[in-house]
Amino acid sequence: MDLTIMMYLIPSLIMFACGVYGFITRKNLIAILISLELMLNAVDINFVVFNRFLFPGQMEGMFFTMFAIGIAAAETALAIAIIINIFRAVKSVDIREINKMKF
């Protein structure tokens, strides 16, 4: 691959790997949400980079990324609302404490 495309893909790969690691290892719902957003942003960077290098005259990757950012913002707002309701019921945002809601 071209060296210039690798300058964008390697940080994106690192961001995605950090997001996966955070998603798997964290027990706090807010930290899990941040890790998920980190993974989504890494994917958005890949959309823009591949669009720029494969189809330089077209804007589909940019439009898809803008759409994905809008969906991610709505998803974050909904997830924070759910986390606030969980905190009100359980008084914690720890995943291990959410099992108390079953009973």
Protein backbone atom coordinates (compact mmCIF):
# COMPACT_ATOMS: atom_id res chain seq x y z
CA MET A 1 0.00 0.00 0.00
CA ASP A 2 0.91 3.60 -0.39
CA LEU A 3 2.80 5.19 2.49
CA THR A 4 0.37 8.11 2.76
CA ILE A 5 -2.64 5.83 3.23
CA MET A 6 -0.78 3.91 5.92
CA MET A 7 -0.21 7.17 7.82
CA TYR A 8 -3.99 7.36 8.27
CA LEU A 9 -4.81 3.68 8.66
CA ILE A 10 -2.30 2.90 11.42
CA PRO A 11 -3.68 5.52 13.87
CA SER A 12 -7.17 4.35 12.96
CA LEU A 13 -6.17 0.77 13.73
CA ILE A 14 -4.68 1.85 17.07
CA MET A 15 -7.88 3.76 17.91
CA PHE A 16 -10.01 0.75 17.06
CA ALA A 17 -7.79 -1.60 19.08
CA CYS A 18 -7.95 0.74 22.09
CA GLY A 19 -11.73 0.84 21.74
CA VAL A 20 -12.01 -2.95 21.63
CA TYR A 21 -9.70 -3.29 24.63
CA GLY A 22 -11.70 -0.73 26.59
CA PHE A 23 -15.00 -2.32 25.63
CA ILE A 24 -13.86 -5.75 26.79
CA THR A 25 -12.05 -4.79 29.98
CA ARG A 26 -14.12 -1.95 31.47
CA LYS A 27 -16.91 -2.51 33.98
CA ASN A 28 -18.22 1.07 33.98
CA LEU A 29 -21.03 1.74 31.50
CA ILE A 30 -19.74 5.22 30.67
CA ALA A 31 -16.26 3.85 29.89
CA ILE A 32 -17.82 1.17 27.69
CA LEU A 33 -19.79 3.84 25.82
CA ILE A 34 -16.63 5.90 25.31
CA SER A 35 -14.83 2.81 23.98
CA LEU A 36 -17.68 2.14 21.57
CA GLU A 37 -17.53 5.72 20.31
CA LEU A 38 -13.77 5.37 19.84
CA MET A 39 -14.34 2.32 17.64
CA LEU A 40 -17.01 4.13 15.61
CA ASN A 41 -14.69 7.10 15.05
CA ALA A 42 -11.92 4.78 13.86
CA VAL A 43 -14.32 3.27 11.32
CA ASP A 44 -15.34 6.76 10.18
CA ILE A 45 -11.70 7.64 9.58
CA ASN A 46 -11.37 4.51 7.45
CA PHE A 47 -14.41 5.49 5.37
CA VAL A 48 -12.93 8.91 4.63
CA VAL A 49 -9.43 7.60 3.92
CA PHE A 50 -10.56 4.86 1.55
CA ASN A 51 -12.91 7.24 -0.24
CA ARG A 52 -10.15 9.81 -0.62
CA PHE A 53 -7.57 7.37 -1.98
CA LEU A 54 -9.79 5.04 -4.04
CA PHE A 55 -12.30 7.54 -5.45
CA PRO A 56 -10.75 11.01 -5.10
CA GLY A 57 -13.40 12.88 -7.10
CA GLN A 58 -16.40 11.46 -5.27
CA MET A 59 -17.88 12.26 -1.88
CA GLU A 60 -19.75 9.08 -0.90
CA GLY A 61 -17.35 8.19 1.91
CA MET A 62 -17.62 11.67 3.38
CA PHE A 63 -21.42 11.65 3.23
CA PHE A 64 -21.56 8.19 4.76
CA THR A 65 -19.25 9.35 7.53
CA MET A 66 -21.42 12.40 8.25
CA PHE A 67 -24.47 10.13 8.41
CA ALA A 68 -22.61 7.75 10.75
CA ILE A 69 -21.59 10.66 13.01
CA GLY A 70 -25.23 11.77 13.23
CA ILE A 71 -26.38 8.25 14.08
CA ALA A 72 -23.59 7.94 16.67
CA ALA A 73 -24.70 11.19 18.31
CA ALA A 74 -28.29 9.93 18.56
CA GLU A 75 -27.06 6.57 19.88
CA THR A 76 -24.92 8.31 22.50
CA ALA A 77 -27.83 10.45 23.69
CA LEU A 78 -30.04 7.38 23.99
CA ALA A 79 -27.32 5.36 25.75
CA ILE A 80 -26.69 8.14 28.28
CA ALA A 81 -30.43 8.34 29.00
CA ILE A 82 -30.48 4.59 29.63
CA ILE A 83 -27.39 4.82 31.84
CA ILE A 84 -29.00 7.62 33.88
CA ASN A 85 -32.10 5.46 34.42
CA ILE A 86 -29.93 2.52 35.46
CA PHE A 87 -28.06 4.78 37.89
CA ARG A 88 -31.36 5.95 39.41
CA ALA A 89 -32.50 2.36 39.95
CA VAL A 90 -29.26 0.72 41.09
CA LYS A 91 -27.19 3.73 42.32
CA SER A 92 -24.24 2.47 40.30
CA VAL A 93 -23.07 2.32 36.69
CA ASP A 94 -20.99 -0.81 37.28
CA ILE A 95 -21.97 -3.77 35.11
CA ARG A 96 -21.69 -6.18 38.01
CA GLU A 97 -24.37 -4.24 39.89
CA ILE A 98 -26.90 -4.32 37.04
CA ASN A 99 -27.78 -7.93 37.86
CA LYS A 100 -29.68 -6.51 40.86
CA MET A 101 -32.26 -5.12 38.43
CA LYS A 102 -33.41 -8.63 37.56
CA PHE A 103 -34.94 -9.20 40.96
